[in-house]
Protein backbone atom coordinates (compact mmCIF):
# COMPACT_ATOMS: atom_id res chain seq x y z
CA UNK A 1 -176.96 170.55 -51.55
CA UNK A 2 -179.38 169.82 -48.71
CA UNK A 3 -180.34 166.28 -47.72
CA UNK A 4 -182.69 164.67 -45.22
CA UNK A 5 -182.90 160.94 -44.47
CA UNK A 6 -186.25 159.47 -43.36
CA UNK A 7 -186.62 155.97 -41.88
CA UNK A 8 -189.50 154.40 -43.80
CA UNK A 9 -188.79 150.97 -42.28
CA UNK A 10 -185.77 149.04 -40.98
CA UNK A 11 -184.94 148.09 -44.59
CA UNK A 12 -186.08 151.20 -46.49
CA UNK A 13 -184.79 154.75 -46.26
CA UNK A 14 -186.05 157.81 -48.10
CA UNK A 15 -183.56 160.61 -48.83
CA UNK A 16 -184.87 164.04 -49.76
CA UNK A 17 -182.35 166.06 -51.76
CA UNK A 18 -182.35 169.68 -52.82
CA UNK A 19 -179.77 170.63 -55.43
CA UNK A 20 -178.79 174.30 -55.06
CA UNK A 21 -179.95 176.63 -57.88
CA UNK A 22 -176.40 177.92 -58.35
CA UNK A 23 -175.11 174.37 -59.03
CA UNK A 24 -178.01 173.75 -61.40
CA UNK A 25 -177.38 177.03 -63.25
CA UNK A 26 -173.63 176.37 -63.60
CA UNK A 27 -174.18 172.89 -65.08
CA UNK A 28 -177.05 174.12 -67.27
CA UNK A 29 -174.92 176.95 -68.68
CA UNK A 30 -171.92 174.68 -69.29
CA UNK A 31 -173.95 172.12 -71.22
CA UNK A 32 -175.76 174.88 -73.16
CA UNK A 33 -172.40 176.34 -74.22
CA UNK A 34 -171.22 172.90 -75.27
CA UNK A 35 -174.27 172.52 -77.53
CA UNK A 36 -173.80 176.07 -78.88
CA UNK A 37 -170.28 175.24 -80.06
CA UNK A 38 -171.46 172.17 -81.95
CA UNK A 39 -175.00 173.08 -82.98
CA UNK A 40 -176.02 173.85 -86.54
CA UNK A 41 -178.83 176.41 -86.34
CA UNK A 42 -180.37 177.87 -89.52
CA UNK A 43 -179.39 181.53 -89.97
CA UNK A 44 -176.24 181.26 -87.89
CA UNK A 45 -172.72 180.14 -88.62
CA UNK A 46 -171.82 176.79 -86.93
CA UNK A 47 -170.89 177.45 -83.35
CA UNK A 48 -172.10 181.09 -83.35
CA UNK A 49 -175.79 180.67 -82.44
CA UNK A 50 -176.76 182.56 -79.26
CA UNK A 51 -177.15 180.51 -76.10
CA UNK A 52 -180.85 181.41 -75.83
CA UNK A 53 -181.56 180.18 -79.35
CA UNK A 54 -179.67 176.93 -78.75
CA UNK A 55 -181.59 176.35 -75.49
CA UNK A 56 -184.87 176.76 -77.29
CA UNK A 57 -183.91 174.47 -80.19
CA UNK A 58 -182.31 171.76 -78.01
CA UNK A 59 -184.43 172.29 -74.91
CA UNK A 60 -185.17 168.66 -74.06
CA UNK A 61 -181.66 167.38 -74.83
CA UNK A 62 -179.93 170.03 -72.71
CA UNK A 63 -182.25 169.52 -69.75
CA UNK A 64 -181.90 165.72 -69.90
CA UNK A 65 -178.12 165.91 -69.97
CA UNK A 66 -178.09 168.45 -67.13
CA UNK A 67 -180.10 166.07 -64.96
CA UNK A 68 -177.89 163.13 -65.98
CA UNK A 69 -174.84 165.02 -64.70
CA UNK A 70 -176.40 166.44 -61.53
CA UNK A 71 -178.74 163.81 -60.10
CA UNK A 72 -176.61 160.61 -59.96
CA UNK A 73 -173.74 162.49 -58.32
CA UNK A 74 -176.11 164.13 -55.83
CA UNK A 75 -177.68 160.73 -54.99
CA UNK A 76 -174.29 159.09 -54.42
CA UNK A 77 -173.14 161.98 -52.22
CA UNK A 78 -176.35 161.78 -50.17
CA UNK A 79 -176.03 158.01 -49.68
CA UNK A 80 -172.41 158.45 -48.55
CA UNK A 81 -173.33 161.36 -46.28
CA UNK A 82 -175.94 159.30 -44.41
CA UNK A 83 -173.62 156.25 -44.36
CA UNK A 84 -176.06 153.94 -46.11
CA UNK A 85 -175.16 150.72 -47.92
CA UNK A 86 -177.69 150.48 -50.73
CA UNK A 87 -178.94 147.11 -51.93
CA UNK A 88 -179.43 147.26 -55.67
CA UNK A 89 -180.17 150.45 -57.58
CA UNK A 90 -181.83 153.32 -55.67
CA UNK A 91 -185.30 154.39 -56.84
CA UNK A 92 -184.88 158.04 -57.90
CA UNK A 93 -187.79 160.41 -58.55
CA UNK A 94 -187.84 164.12 -59.36
CA UNK A 95 -190.04 165.76 -56.75
CA UNK A 96 -190.69 169.14 -58.42
CA UNK A 97 -191.01 168.88 -62.20
CA UNK A 98 -191.94 172.56 -62.39
CA UNK A 99 -188.34 173.47 -61.55
CA UNK A 100 -187.33 172.02 -64.90
CA UNK A 101 -189.05 174.95 -66.58
CA UNK A 102 -186.91 177.39 -64.59
CA UNK A 103 -183.47 175.84 -64.68
CA UNK A 104 -181.17 177.66 -62.29
CA UNK A 105 -183.88 179.73 -60.62
CA UNK A 106 -185.23 177.11 -58.20
CA UNK A 107 -183.60 174.14 -56.47
CA UNK A 108 -184.23 170.72 -57.97
CA UNK A 109 -185.87 168.38 -55.46
CA UNK A 110 -185.12 164.68 -55.69
CA UNK A 111 -186.63 161.85 -53.67
CA UNK A 112 -184.57 158.67 -53.38
CA UNK A 113 -185.81 155.35 -51.98
CA UNK A 114 -182.97 153.10 -50.86
CA UNK A 115 -183.18 149.50 -49.67
CA UNK A 116 -180.66 148.68 -46.95
CA UNK A 117 -179.74 145.84 -44.63
CA UNK A 118 -181.48 146.13 -41.25
CA UNK A 119 -179.58 146.39 -38.01
CA UNK A 120 -179.75 142.93 -36.42
CA UNK A 121 -179.96 143.04 -32.64
CA UNK A 122 -178.64 139.78 -31.18
CA UNK A 123 -180.47 138.16 -28.29
CA UNK A 124 -179.53 134.90 -26.57
CA UNK A 125 -177.99 132.63 -29.15
CA UNK A 126 -175.98 130.35 -26.88
CA UNK A 127 -177.54 127.66 -24.76
CA UNK A 128 -180.49 127.06 -27.11
CA UNK A 129 -182.27 123.84 -26.18
CA UNK A 130 -182.60 121.34 -29.00
CA UNK A 131 -183.33 117.61 -29.30
CA UNK A 132 -181.01 115.34 -31.30
CA UNK A 133 -183.25 112.56 -32.65
CA UNK A 134 -181.18 109.61 -33.78
CA UNK A 135 -182.76 106.76 -35.69
CA UNK A 136 -182.32 103.38 -34.02
CA UNK A 137 -180.66 100.78 -36.26
CA UNK A 138 -182.05 97.26 -35.88
CA UNK A 139 -181.21 93.86 -37.34
CA UNK A 140 -184.26 94.31 -39.56
CA UNK A 141 -182.63 97.39 -41.11
CA UNK A 142 -179.48 95.35 -41.75
CA UNK A 143 -181.55 92.56 -43.31
CA UNK A 144 -183.29 95.07 -45.61
CA UNK A 145 -179.99 96.52 -46.78
CA UNK A 146 -178.60 93.01 -47.31
CA UNK A 147 -181.63 92.21 -49.44
CA UNK A 148 -181.11 95.41 -51.46
CA UNK A 149 -177.51 94.31 -52.13
CA UNK A 150 -178.84 90.93 -53.32
CA UNK A 151 -181.14 92.78 -55.73
CA UNK A 152 -178.18 94.66 -57.23
CA UNK A 153 -176.38 91.32 -57.70
CA UNK A 154 -179.40 89.64 -59.30
CA UNK A 155 -179.22 88.29 -62.84
CA UNK A 156 -182.07 87.82 -65.30
CA UNK A 157 -182.30 84.27 -66.63
CA UNK A 158 -184.43 83.28 -69.63
CA UNK A 159 -187.47 81.09 -68.92
CA UNK A 160 -187.81 78.28 -71.45
CA UNK A 161 -189.47 75.38 -69.64
CA UNK A 162 -192.67 77.10 -68.45
CA UNK A 163 -195.09 79.95 -69.09
CA UNK A 164 -194.73 83.43 -67.55
CA UNK A 165 -195.64 83.64 -63.86
CA UNK A 166 -196.11 86.43 -61.32
CA UNK A 167 -192.79 88.22 -60.77
CA UNK A 168 -191.35 87.33 -64.19
CA UNK A 169 -190.15 90.11 -66.49
CA UNK A 170 -191.41 90.03 -70.07
CA UNK A 171 -189.97 91.90 -73.03
CA UNK A 172 -192.91 93.01 -75.18
CA UNK A 173 -193.58 94.91 -78.42
CA UNK A 174 -196.81 96.90 -78.09
CA UNK A 175 -199.22 98.26 -80.70
CA UNK A 176 -202.11 100.18 -79.18
CA UNK A 177 -205.08 102.14 -80.44
CA UNK A 178 -207.34 104.48 -78.51
CA UNK A 179 -210.97 103.48 -78.15
CA UNK A 180 -213.95 105.78 -77.70
CA UNK A 181 -214.82 109.18 -79.09
CA UNK A 182 -212.04 111.57 -80.05
CA UNK A 183 -211.86 114.76 -78.00
CA UNK A 184 -212.49 118.04 -79.89
CA UNK A 185 -212.57 116.08 -83.13
CA UNK A 186 -208.83 115.37 -83.00
CA UNK A 187 -207.75 111.79 -83.63
CA UNK A 188 -205.04 110.47 -81.34
CA UNK A 189 -202.09 108.64 -82.84
CA UNK A 190 -201.74 104.92 -82.29
CA UNK A 191 -199.24 103.73 -79.70
CA UNK A 192 -196.19 101.77 -80.81
CA UNK A 193 -193.50 100.78 -78.32
CA UNK A 194 -190.91 98.04 -78.76
CA UNK A 195 -188.71 96.21 -76.27
CA UNK A 196 -190.81 97.29 -73.26
CA UNK A 197 -190.00 95.42 -70.04
CA UNK A 198 -193.05 94.48 -67.97
CA UNK A 199 -192.67 92.85 -64.56
CA UNK A 200 -195.87 90.92 -63.87
CA UNK A 201 -197.39 92.20 -60.63
CA UNK A 202 -194.64 94.82 -60.39
CA UNK A 203 -195.01 98.26 -58.85
CA UNK A 204 -196.69 100.71 -61.24
CA UNK A 205 -197.80 98.01 -63.69
CA UNK A 206 -201.49 98.25 -64.63
CA UNK A 207 -203.38 95.15 -63.47
CA UNK A 208 -204.66 94.45 -67.00
CA UNK A 209 -201.09 93.85 -68.22
CA UNK A 210 -200.44 91.36 -65.43
CA UNK A 211 -203.78 89.57 -65.90
CA UNK A 212 -203.40 89.16 -69.67
CA UNK A 213 -199.69 88.36 -69.89
CA UNK A 214 -199.53 85.71 -67.16
CA UNK A 215 -199.15 82.35 -68.88
CA UNK A 216 -197.55 83.81 -72.00
CA UNK A 217 -194.42 82.42 -73.66
CA UNK A 218 -191.91 83.88 -76.08
CA UNK A 219 -193.48 84.62 -79.51
CA UNK A 220 -197.03 84.61 -78.05
CA UNK A 221 -199.36 87.44 -79.12
CA UNK A 222 -202.12 88.79 -76.88
CA UNK A 223 -204.83 91.37 -77.48
CA UNK A 224 -206.50 93.09 -74.53
CA UNK A 225 -207.97 96.40 -73.37
CA UNK A 226 -206.55 98.67 -70.66
CA UNK A 227 -208.70 101.29 -68.90
CA UNK A 228 -206.38 103.94 -67.45
CA UNK A 229 -207.54 105.82 -64.32
CA UNK A 230 -208.13 109.58 -64.44
CA UNK A 231 -205.15 110.19 -62.16
CA UNK A 232 -202.72 108.05 -64.19
CA UNK A 233 -199.17 109.41 -64.11
CA UNK A 234 -198.97 109.85 -67.90
CA UNK A 235 -201.21 112.75 -68.89
CA UNK A 236 -201.64 111.39 -72.43
CA UNK A 237 -203.09 108.11 -71.13
CA UNK A 238 -205.03 109.33 -68.07
CA UNK A 239 -208.72 108.42 -68.34
CA UNK A 240 -208.23 106.76 -71.74
CA UNK A 241 -209.19 103.29 -73.00
CA UNK A 242 -206.58 101.56 -75.13
CA UNK A 243 -206.65 98.25 -77.01
CA UNK A 244 -203.19 96.67 -77.09
CA UNK A 245 -201.75 93.95 -79.26
CA UNK A 246 -198.74 92.62 -77.35
CA UNK A 247 -196.04 90.44 -78.95
CA UNK A 248 -193.91 88.71 -76.29
CA UNK A 249 -190.28 88.42 -77.36
CA UNK A 250 -188.74 87.09 -74.14
CA UNK A 251 -189.64 85.83 -70.66
CA UNK A 252 -187.05 86.10 -67.91
CA UNK A 253 -186.91 85.46 -64.20
CA UNK A 254 -184.78 87.25 -61.64
CA UNK A 255 -182.32 85.00 -59.83
CA UNK A 256 -180.93 86.26 -56.54
CA UNK A 257 -177.59 85.03 -55.18
CA UNK A 258 -177.41 82.91 -52.05
CA UNK A 259 -176.40 84.86 -48.95
CA UNK A 260 -173.12 83.10 -48.26
CA UNK A 261 -169.47 83.97 -47.72
CA UNK A 262 -168.64 83.47 -51.39
CA UNK A 263 -171.22 86.10 -52.40
CA UNK A 264 -169.97 88.46 -49.68
CA UNK A 265 -166.42 88.19 -51.01
CA UNK A 266 -167.67 89.03 -54.52
CA UNK A 267 -168.79 92.45 -53.23
CA UNK A 268 -165.28 93.60 -52.41
CA UNK A 269 -161.99 92.72 -50.80
CA UNK A 270 -163.13 94.27 -47.49
CA UNK A 271 -165.63 91.45 -46.96
CA UNK A 272 -164.40 87.92 -46.18
CA UNK A 273 -167.73 86.65 -44.85
CA UNK A 274 -171.41 87.48 -44.45
CA UNK A 275 -170.67 88.38 -40.82
CA UNK A 276 -168.11 91.00 -41.89
CA UNK A 277 -170.57 92.34 -44.46
CA UNK A 278 -173.32 92.71 -41.86
CA UNK A 279 -170.95 94.57 -39.51
CA UNK A 280 -170.05 96.99 -42.33
CA UNK A 281 -173.71 97.49 -43.24
CA UNK A 282 -174.58 98.30 -39.62
CA UNK A 283 -171.65 100.72 -39.31
CA UNK A 284 -172.74 102.53 -42.50
CA UNK A 285 -176.38 102.72 -41.38
CA UNK A 286 -175.40 104.06 -37.97
CA UNK A 287 -173.12 106.65 -39.56
CA UNK A 288 -175.93 107.74 -41.86
CA UNK A 289 -178.32 107.89 -38.90
CA UNK A 290 -175.91 110.17 -37.03
CA UNK A 291 -175.57 112.42 -40.08
CA UNK A 292 -179.35 112.61 -40.44
CA UNK A 293 -179.67 113.38 -36.72
CA UNK A 294 -177.07 116.15 -37.01
CA UNK A 295 -178.87 117.61 -40.03
CA UNK A 296 -182.20 117.64 -38.15
CA UNK A 297 -180.55 119.11 -35.05
CA UNK A 298 -179.07 121.99 -37.05
CA UNK A 299 -182.40 122.63 -38.80
CA UNK A 300 -184.24 122.70 -35.45
CA UNK A 301 -181.55 124.91 -33.95
CA UNK A 302 -182.00 127.43 -36.77
CA UNK A 303 -185.79 127.34 -36.34
CA UNK A 304 -185.43 128.06 -32.62
CA UNK A 305 -182.90 130.82 -33.32
CA UNK A 306 -185.25 132.45 -35.85
CA UNK A 307 -188.16 132.35 -33.39
CA UNK A 308 -186.19 134.57 -31.06
CA UNK A 309 -184.98 136.92 -33.79
CA UNK A 310 -187.81 138.35 -35.85
CA UNK A 311 -186.84 141.33 -38.01
CA UNK A 312 -187.69 142.78 -41.39
CA UNK A 313 -185.78 141.32 -44.34
CA UNK A 314 -184.99 143.30 -47.54
CA UNK A 315 -187.51 142.42 -50.24
CA UNK A 316 -184.89 142.29 -53.00
CA UNK A 317 -182.96 139.57 -51.15
CA UNK A 318 -186.17 137.58 -50.61
CA UNK A 319 -187.03 137.85 -54.32
CA UNK A 320 -183.52 136.74 -55.30
CA UNK A 321 -183.63 133.72 -52.98
CA UNK A 322 -187.14 132.82 -54.17
CA UNK A 323 -185.93 132.79 -57.77
CA UNK A 324 -182.97 130.65 -56.76
CA UNK A 325 -185.24 128.11 -55.04
CA UNK A 326 -187.61 128.05 -58.04
CA UNK A 327 -184.71 127.51 -60.44
CA UNK A 328 -183.53 124.64 -58.23
CA UNK A 329 -186.98 123.01 -58.45
CA UNK A 330 -187.01 123.32 -62.24
CA UNK A 331 -183.43 122.05 -62.52
CA UNK A 332 -184.26 119.04 -60.33
CA UNK A 333 -187.30 118.22 -62.51
CA UNK A 334 -185.20 118.35 -65.67
CA UNK A 335 -182.49 116.13 -64.14
CA UNK A 336 -185.23 113.56 -63.43
CA UNK A 337 -186.33 113.74 -67.06
CA UNK A 338 -189.51 115.73 -66.32
CA UNK A 339 -190.30 118.63 -68.65
CA UNK A 340 -191.63 121.42 -66.35
CA UNK A 341 -193.39 123.06 -69.31
CA UNK A 342 -195.68 120.06 -69.71
CA UNK A 343 -196.68 119.76 -66.06
CA UNK A 344 -199.92 121.13 -64.63
CA UNK A 345 -198.21 123.20 -61.97
CA UNK A 346 -199.49 126.42 -60.40
CA UNK A 347 -196.19 128.27 -60.69
CA UNK A 348 -197.64 131.42 -59.10
CA UNK A 349 -198.74 129.41 -56.07
CA UNK A 350 -195.43 127.52 -56.02
CA UNK A 351 -193.49 130.78 -56.01
CA UNK A 352 -195.64 132.11 -53.16
CA UNK A 353 -194.86 129.01 -51.08
CA UNK A 354 -191.16 129.20 -51.87
CA UNK A 355 -191.15 132.88 -50.93
CA UNK A 356 -192.00 132.01 -47.33
CA UNK A 357 -189.05 129.59 -47.19
CA UNK A 358 -186.81 132.10 -48.96
CA UNK A 359 -187.50 134.75 -46.32
CA UNK A 360 -186.43 132.31 -43.61
CA UNK A 361 -183.29 131.48 -45.63
CA UNK A 362 -182.31 135.14 -45.85
CA UNK A 363 -183.11 135.88 -42.20
CA UNK A 364 -181.11 132.84 -41.10
CA UNK A 365 -178.12 133.83 -43.24
CA UNK A 366 -178.18 137.39 -41.88
CA UNK A 367 -178.34 136.08 -38.31
CA UNK A 368 -175.37 133.76 -38.81
CA UNK A 369 -173.38 136.60 -40.39
CA UNK A 370 -174.18 138.82 -37.41
CA UNK A 371 -173.13 136.06 -34.97
CA UNK A 372 -169.92 135.54 -36.96
CA UNK A 373 -169.20 139.27 -36.58
CA UNK A 374 -169.92 139.14 -32.85
CA UNK A 375 -167.68 136.09 -32.37
CA UNK A 376 -164.98 137.53 -34.67
CA UNK A 377 -165.00 134.41 -36.86
CA UNK A 378 -162.51 134.57 -39.71
CA UNK A 379 -161.80 132.27 -42.66
CA UNK A 380 -158.21 131.48 -43.63
CA UNK A 381 -157.08 131.24 -47.26
CA UNK A 382 -156.23 127.59 -46.66
CA UNK A 383 -159.87 126.87 -45.79
CA UNK A 384 -161.08 128.53 -49.00
CA UNK A 385 -158.56 126.52 -51.02
CA UNK A 386 -159.71 123.29 -49.36
CA UNK A 387 -163.33 124.10 -50.22
CA UNK A 388 -162.41 124.81 -53.84
CA UNK A 389 -160.62 121.45 -53.99
CA UNK A 390 -163.76 119.76 -52.65
CA UNK A 391 -165.88 121.53 -55.30
CA UNK A 392 -163.43 120.44 -58.00
CA UNK A 393 -163.58 116.80 -56.82
CA UNK A 394 -167.37 116.88 -56.71
CA UNK A 395 -167.66 118.36 -60.21
CA UNK A 396 -164.73 116.29 -61.55
CA UNK A 397 -163.02 119.40 -62.91
CA UNK A 398 -159.40 120.57 -62.57
CA UNK A 399 -158.80 122.69 -59.46
CA UNK A 400 -157.18 125.44 -61.57
CA UNK A 401 -160.26 125.70 -63.79
CA UNK A 402 -162.70 125.86 -60.85
CA UNK A 403 -160.52 128.41 -59.06
CA UNK A 404 -160.25 130.58 -62.19
CA UNK A 405 -164.03 130.64 -62.72
CA UNK A 406 -164.73 131.40 -59.06
CA UNK A 407 -162.18 134.22 -59.02
CA UNK A 408 -163.73 135.87 -62.07
CA UNK A 409 -167.28 135.58 -60.68
CA UNK A 410 -166.45 136.62 -57.12
CA UNK A 411 -167.09 133.08 -55.97
CA UNK A 412 -164.20 133.03 -53.50
CA UNK A 413 -165.96 135.65 -51.40
CA UNK A 414 -169.17 133.65 -51.58
CA UNK A 415 -167.27 130.55 -50.39
CA UNK A 416 -165.72 132.53 -47.54
CA UNK A 417 -169.17 133.77 -46.45
CA UNK A 418 -170.60 130.26 -46.62
CA UNK A 419 -167.74 128.83 -44.56
CA UNK A 420 -168.08 131.66 -42.07
CA UNK A 421 -171.80 130.97 -41.63
CA UNK A 422 -171.04 127.26 -41.27
CA UNK A 423 -168.57 128.02 -38.49
CA UNK A 424 -171.14 130.24 -36.78
CA UNK A 425 -173.67 127.40 -36.86
CA UNK A 426 -171.01 125.00 -35.53
CA UNK A 427 -170.53 127.39 -32.63
CA UNK A 428 -174.27 127.38 -31.93
CA UNK A 429 -174.27 123.57 -31.92
CA UNK A 430 -171.27 123.43 -29.57
CA UNK A 431 -172.98 125.79 -27.14
CA UNK A 432 -176.50 124.34 -27.39
CA UNK A 433 -178.23 122.35 -24.67
CA UNK A 434 -178.64 119.10 -26.58
CA UNK A 435 -181.07 116.43 -25.43
CA UNK A 436 -180.38 113.06 -27.06
CA UNK A 437 -183.35 110.93 -27.98
CA UNK A 438 -183.34 107.60 -29.81
CA UNK A 439 -186.27 107.04 -32.09
CA UNK A 440 -187.41 103.72 -33.53
CA UNK A 441 -187.57 103.36 -37.30
CA UNK A 442 -191.36 103.67 -37.36
CA UNK A 443 -191.37 107.09 -35.75
CA UNK A 444 -188.57 108.41 -37.93
CA UNK A 445 -190.59 107.52 -41.03
CA UNK A 446 -193.52 109.52 -39.62
CA UNK A 447 -191.33 112.53 -38.99
CA UNK A 448 -189.84 112.38 -42.49
């Protein structure tokens, strides 16, 4: 067998294979004899038909089986000979179909396209300059968080001595009918919704609801028209005109607790006063700010690393990562109660955008793996076990069950690779030239 390996690109190799006529003839004869022993040919006793007759009668079957025995083995030998690690299944093509008509007289030529990992040449990866932008925590931030805690402690009290005012929450039963001409001759069903909570003047509440329900009391009934804008969030209501009959069943007002030591103590045994609570809030906000700063630093560090290491990435890995990102988007939509099938989304365009990010993901992962090799980073079994325990805690499943599933699916190796890449990135951070910069809240909001 003769082979030649051609570099098509850093990630694609083409192997040209010639299978010797003698090897073809030997396999062809062996399979022909096997058919002759089993074949039932008219005019001959079972197993006594001449080889030539059997080859004519079972021509296609014998040739197909001959190729099935010869080609895969030849491809594997050629890949091993040229020391290639194939990604996915090789693309195999017969290069001279005419040889099939003369089995054993001419060599069979095979062309194999193999996708491989590129050789990653490391440049400077230590001493990369990066800015750590840490959000400044102010008393205003503490006040906002304190107010959010008051909101979670709020109680809704019924209003009985006055009519509904701005900020009150009404419980309403709605009957609505669409006004105007039906589209495409199809009549739209009336709207019926009970026990709907409407906060007058609240975020996302159409102004018509607020205008017509202010001044209402329990058991009042109001009829009014709502004109929904074309860009309304609900597709079924966007651009529509609806006449509602609203029956108010309850009017309630939100009562917030006083910010005093008694309220602080009600939030937990760690707080004996408002002062202690404010200290804890500030500590938590500063910790979160440091975590956010570290996350941004690592992201910027990877961007800078990638700028200095541009190389071709295997297309199959990009496609796999793109699909993973797309599945994550769909999964996130479903967790938020959004049906992706009913959204006007350009999925082809979305996939194209995600593909750009996916390529950076793959290139970054390959770079970190190469750095881990260079730095001889290893992962101990204890570290893998600790990560499995963390996964079990996060998913609230028994450690044994998580470990069993991961072992069956090869997940332990995936965890080891992830931990190894994480250690490689830690090394980059430790050796980076970090410039600390404190940013006010306003600027951090602009930077997202």
